Amino acid sequence: MINKIVLSMASLRMLSGSIEIIAAILMLRLATIEKALLVNTTLALVGPLVLLTTTTIGLVGIAEKLSFGKMIWILAGVSCIFIGILKK
């Protein structure tokens, strides 16, 4: 039997991958740099949201096994990732 949390995380990643494939096909069909860039920019919003959601689901799943200190370190690491992604 598959753990519900693992199934949720995997499902989100499969959805994200499907969105990426659909976006690539859409870029090919639109066939202009401007429109492809617009699609790509939209994907830039989806990626971090999926990362944040899957990480949150995983942390909720292991929260009872982690000390408060370790949870703070994990949240600090995720924050650093987002700062690195979003900083210009």
N, C-alpha and C. Protein backbone atom coordinates (compact mmCIF):
# COMPACT_ATOMS: atom_id res chain seq x y z
N MET A 1 0.83 -1.17 0.00
CA MET A 1 0.00 0.00 0.00
C MET A 1 0.89 1.25 0.00
N ILE A 2 0.54 2.23 -0.83
CA ILE A 2 1.32 3.46 -0.95
C ILE A 2 0.85 4.47 0.09
N ASN A 3 1.81 5.09 0.74
CA ASN A 3 1.53 6.12 1.72
C ASN A 3 0.79 7.28 1.05
N LYS A 4 -0.24 7.82 1.69
CA LYS A 4 -1.05 8.90 1.11
C LYS A 4 -0.23 10.15 0.85
N ILE A 5 0.71 10.43 1.73
CA ILE A 5 1.53 11.63 1.55
C ILE A 5 2.45 11.47 0.36
N VAL A 6 3.06 10.31 0.23
CA VAL A 6 3.93 10.04 -0.92
C VAL A 6 3.12 10.09 -2.21
N LEU A 7 1.92 9.53 -2.18
CA LEU A 7 1.04 9.56 -3.36
C LEU A 7 0.68 10.99 -3.73
N SER A 8 0.39 11.81 -2.74
CA SER A 8 0.07 13.22 -3.00
C SER A 8 1.25 13.96 -3.62
N MET A 9 2.43 13.74 -3.05
CA MET A 9 3.63 14.41 -3.58
C MET A 9 3.92 13.95 -5.01
N ALA A 10 3.82 12.67 -5.25
CA ALA A 10 4.09 12.14 -6.60
C ALA A 10 3.04 12.64 -7.60
N SER A 11 1.80 12.71 -7.16
CA SER A 11 0.73 13.19 -8.05
C SER A 11 0.97 14.64 -8.45
N LEU A 12 1.38 15.46 -7.50
CA LEU A 12 1.67 16.86 -7.82
C LEU A 12 2.83 16.96 -8.81
N ARG A 13 3.84 16.15 -8.63
CA ARG A 13 4.97 16.17 -9.55
C ARG A 13 4.56 15.67 -10.94
N MET A 14 3.69 14.67 -11.01
CA MET A 14 3.20 14.21 -12.32
C MET A 14 2.36 15.29 -13.00
N LEU A 15 1.55 16.00 -12.21
CA LEU A 15 0.77 17.10 -12.76
C LEU A 15 1.70 18.20 -13.27
N SER A 16 2.71 18.52 -12.50
CA SER A 16 3.67 19.53 -12.89
C SER A 16 4.39 19.13 -14.19
N GLY A 17 4.79 17.89 -14.27
CA GLY A 17 5.45 17.39 -15.49
C GLY A 17 4.53 17.45 -16.69
N SER A 18 3.27 17.13 -16.47
CA SER A 18 2.29 17.20 -17.56
C SER A 18 2.10 18.63 -18.03
N ILE A 19 2.07 19.56 -17.10
CA ILE A 19 1.95 20.98 -17.45
C ILE A 19 3.16 21.42 -18.27
N GLU A 20 4.35 20.95 -17.89
CA GLU A 20 5.57 21.28 -18.63
C GLU A 20 5.50 20.76 -20.08
N ILE A 21 5.04 19.52 -20.24
CA ILE A 21 4.94 18.94 -21.58
C ILE A 21 3.92 19.69 -22.42
N ILE A 22 2.77 20.01 -21.82
CA ILE A 22 1.74 20.76 -22.54
C ILE A 22 2.26 22.13 -22.94
N ALA A 23 3.02 22.76 -22.05
CA ALA A 23 3.59 24.07 -22.35
C ALA A 23 4.58 23.98 -23.51
N ALA A 24 5.38 22.93 -23.55
CA ALA A 24 6.34 22.77 -24.65
C ALA A 24 5.61 22.59 -25.98
N ILE A 25 4.55 21.81 -25.97
CA ILE A 25 3.75 21.62 -27.20
C ILE A 25 3.11 22.94 -27.61
N LEU A 26 2.61 23.68 -26.62
CA LEU A 26 2.00 24.98 -26.89
C LEU A 26 3.01 25.95 -27.50
N MET A 27 4.24 25.95 -26.98
CA MET A 27 5.29 26.80 -27.54
C MET A 27 5.54 26.46 -29.01
N LEU A 28 5.58 25.17 -29.31
CA LEU A 28 5.81 24.75 -30.70
C LEU A 28 4.65 25.18 -31.60
N ARG A 29 3.44 25.09 -31.09
CA ARG A 29 2.27 25.47 -31.90
C ARG A 29 2.17 26.98 -32.10
N LEU A 30 2.56 27.74 -31.08
CA LEU A 30 2.49 29.20 -31.20
C LEU A 30 3.56 29.73 -32.14
N ALA A 31 4.72 29.09 -32.13
CA ALA A 31 5.80 29.32 -33.10
C ALA A 31 6.34 30.74 -33.17
N THR A 32 6.16 31.52 -32.11
CA THR A 32 6.81 32.83 -32.07
C THR A 32 7.58 32.95 -30.76
N ILE A 33 8.67 33.68 -30.81
CA ILE A 33 9.51 33.82 -29.62
C ILE A 33 8.74 34.53 -28.51
N GLU A 34 8.00 35.57 -28.85
CA GLU A 34 7.28 36.34 -27.84
C GLU A 34 6.25 35.49 -27.10
N LYS A 35 5.48 34.72 -27.85
CA LYS A 35 4.45 33.88 -27.23
C LYS A 35 5.07 32.73 -26.44
N ALA A 36 6.16 32.17 -26.96
CA ALA A 36 6.85 31.09 -26.24
C ALA A 36 7.43 31.63 -24.94
N LEU A 37 7.94 32.85 -24.96
CA LEU A 37 8.48 33.47 -23.76
C LEU A 37 7.37 33.71 -22.73
N LEU A 38 6.18 34.07 -23.19
CA LEU A 38 5.05 34.25 -22.30
C LEU A 38 4.66 32.94 -21.63
N VAL A 39 4.63 31.86 -22.40
CA VAL A 39 4.33 30.54 -21.84
C VAL A 39 5.40 30.15 -20.83
N ASN A 40 6.65 30.39 -21.17
CA ASN A 40 7.76 30.06 -20.27
C ASN A 40 7.69 30.85 -18.97
N THR A 41 7.31 32.10 -19.06
CA THR A 41 7.17 32.94 -17.87
C THR A 41 6.08 32.41 -16.96
N THR A 42 5.00 31.94 -17.55
CA THR A 42 3.93 31.35 -16.76
C THR A 42 4.42 30.11 -16.03
N LEU A 43 5.25 29.32 -16.68
CA LEU A 43 5.83 28.13 -16.05
C LEU A 43 6.72 28.50 -14.87
N ALA A 44 7.34 29.67 -14.95
CA ALA A 44 8.20 30.11 -13.85
C ALA A 44 7.39 30.32 -12.57
N LEU A 45 6.12 30.56 -12.69
CA LEU A 45 5.24 30.68 -11.53
C LEU A 45 4.82 29.31 -11.01
N VAL A 46 4.59 28.38 -11.92
CA VAL A 46 4.10 27.05 -11.54
C VAL A 46 5.17 26.26 -10.79
N GLY A 47 6.41 26.31 -11.26
CA GLY A 47 7.49 25.53 -10.66
C GLY A 47 7.68 25.76 -9.17
N PRO A 48 7.87 27.01 -8.75
CA PRO A 48 8.04 27.26 -7.32
C PRO A 48 6.81 26.89 -6.48
N LEU A 49 5.62 27.07 -7.06
CA LEU A 49 4.41 26.69 -6.32
C LEU A 49 4.35 25.19 -6.09
N VAL A 50 4.74 24.42 -7.09
CA VAL A 50 4.75 22.97 -6.94
C VAL A 50 5.83 22.57 -5.92
N LEU A 51 7.00 23.20 -5.99
CA LEU A 51 8.06 22.92 -5.03
C LEU A 51 7.59 23.20 -3.61
N LEU A 52 6.99 24.35 -3.41
CA LEU A 52 6.51 24.73 -2.08
C LEU A 52 5.43 23.79 -1.59
N THR A 53 4.51 23.43 -2.46
CA THR A 53 3.41 22.55 -2.06
C THR A 53 3.90 21.15 -1.73
N THR A 54 4.75 20.57 -2.57
CA THR A 54 5.24 19.22 -2.28
C THR A 54 6.12 19.20 -1.04
N THR A 55 6.90 20.26 -0.85
CA THR A 55 7.73 20.33 0.36
C THR A 55 6.86 20.44 1.60
N THR A 56 5.81 21.24 1.53
CA THR A 56 4.90 21.39 2.66
C THR A 56 4.22 20.08 2.99
N ILE A 57 3.75 19.38 1.97
CA ILE A 57 3.10 18.08 2.21
C ILE A 57 4.08 17.12 2.87
N GLY A 58 5.32 17.08 2.37
CA GLY A 58 6.33 16.20 2.94
C GLY A 58 6.65 16.57 4.38
N LEU A 59 6.77 17.86 4.66
CA LEU A 59 7.07 18.29 6.03
C LEU A 59 5.93 17.97 6.98
N VAL A 60 4.70 18.12 6.52
CA VAL A 60 3.56 17.75 7.35
C VAL A 60 3.61 16.26 7.67
N GLY A 61 4.03 15.47 6.67
CA GLY A 61 4.10 14.03 6.85
C GLY A 61 5.15 13.58 7.85
N ILE A 62 6.24 14.34 7.96
CA ILE A 62 7.30 13.93 8.88
C ILE A 62 7.41 14.85 10.10
N ALA A 63 6.49 15.77 10.25
CA ALA A 63 6.56 16.77 11.33
C ALA A 63 6.68 16.13 12.70
N GLU A 64 5.97 15.03 12.91
CA GLU A 64 6.03 14.40 14.23
C GLU A 64 7.37 13.73 14.51
N LYS A 65 8.14 13.46 13.46
CA LYS A 65 9.43 12.80 13.61
C LYS A 65 10.59 13.80 13.75
N LEU A 66 10.33 15.08 13.46
CA LEU A 66 11.39 16.09 13.48
C LEU A 66 11.31 16.94 14.74
N SER A 67 12.47 17.34 15.21
CA SER A 67 12.50 18.28 16.33
C SER A 67 12.20 19.68 15.78
N PHE A 68 11.87 20.59 16.66
CA PHE A 68 11.57 21.96 16.27
C PHE A 68 12.79 22.60 15.60
N GLY A 69 13.96 22.33 16.12
CA GLY A 69 15.19 22.89 15.56
C GLY A 69 15.44 22.44 14.13
N LYS A 70 15.23 21.16 13.87
CA LYS A 70 15.42 20.64 12.50
C LYS A 70 14.38 21.23 11.55
N MET A 71 13.16 21.43 12.03
CA MET A 71 12.11 22.03 11.21
C MET A 71 12.50 23.46 10.82
N ILE A 72 13.09 24.20 11.75
CA ILE A 72 13.55 25.56 11.46
C ILE A 72 14.63 25.54 10.38
N TRP A 73 15.59 24.60 10.49
CA TRP A 73 16.64 24.50 9.47
C TRP A 73 16.08 24.18 8.09
N ILE A 74 15.09 23.30 8.04
CA ILE A 74 14.47 22.95 6.76
C ILE A 74 13.76 24.17 6.18
N LEU A 75 13.00 24.88 6.99
CA LEU A 75 12.31 26.08 6.52
C LEU A 75 13.30 27.15 6.08
N ALA A 76 14.41 27.27 6.78
CA ALA A 76 15.44 28.23 6.38
C ALA A 76 16.04 27.84 5.02
N GLY A 77 16.25 26.56 4.81
CA GLY A 77 16.79 26.10 3.53
C GLY A 77 15.83 26.35 2.38
N VAL A 78 14.56 26.07 2.59
CA VAL A 78 13.55 26.33 1.56
C VAL A 78 13.47 27.82 1.28
N SER A 79 13.56 28.63 2.32
CA SER A 79 13.54 30.09 2.14
C SER A 79 14.73 30.54 1.31
N CYS A 80 15.90 29.97 1.56
CA CYS A 80 17.09 30.31 0.77
C CYS A 80 16.90 29.95 -0.70
N ILE A 81 16.27 28.83 -0.96
CA ILE A 81 16.00 28.42 -2.35
C ILE A 81 15.13 29.46 -3.03
N PHE A 82 14.05 29.87 -2.34
CA PHE A 82 13.16 30.85 -2.94
C PHE A 82 13.82 32.21 -3.11
N ILE A 83 14.64 32.62 -2.17
CA ILE A 83 15.36 33.89 -2.31
C ILE A 83 16.30 33.82 -3.53
N GLY A 84 16.98 32.68 -3.67
CA GLY A 84 17.87 32.50 -4.82
C GLY A 84 17.13 32.48 -6.15
N ILE A 85 15.94 31.92 -6.17
CA ILE A 85 15.16 31.85 -7.40
C ILE A 85 14.58 33.21 -7.75
N LEU A 86 14.08 33.91 -6.76
CA LEU A 86 13.32 35.12 -7.02
C LEU A 86 14.17 36.39 -7.06
N LYS A 87 15.40 36.35 -6.52
CA LYS A 87 16.26 37.53 -6.56
C LYS A 87 16.76 37.77 -7.98
N LYS A 88 16.85 39.05 -8.35
CA LYS A 88 17.35 39.38 -9.68
C LYS A 88 18.79 39.78 -9.61
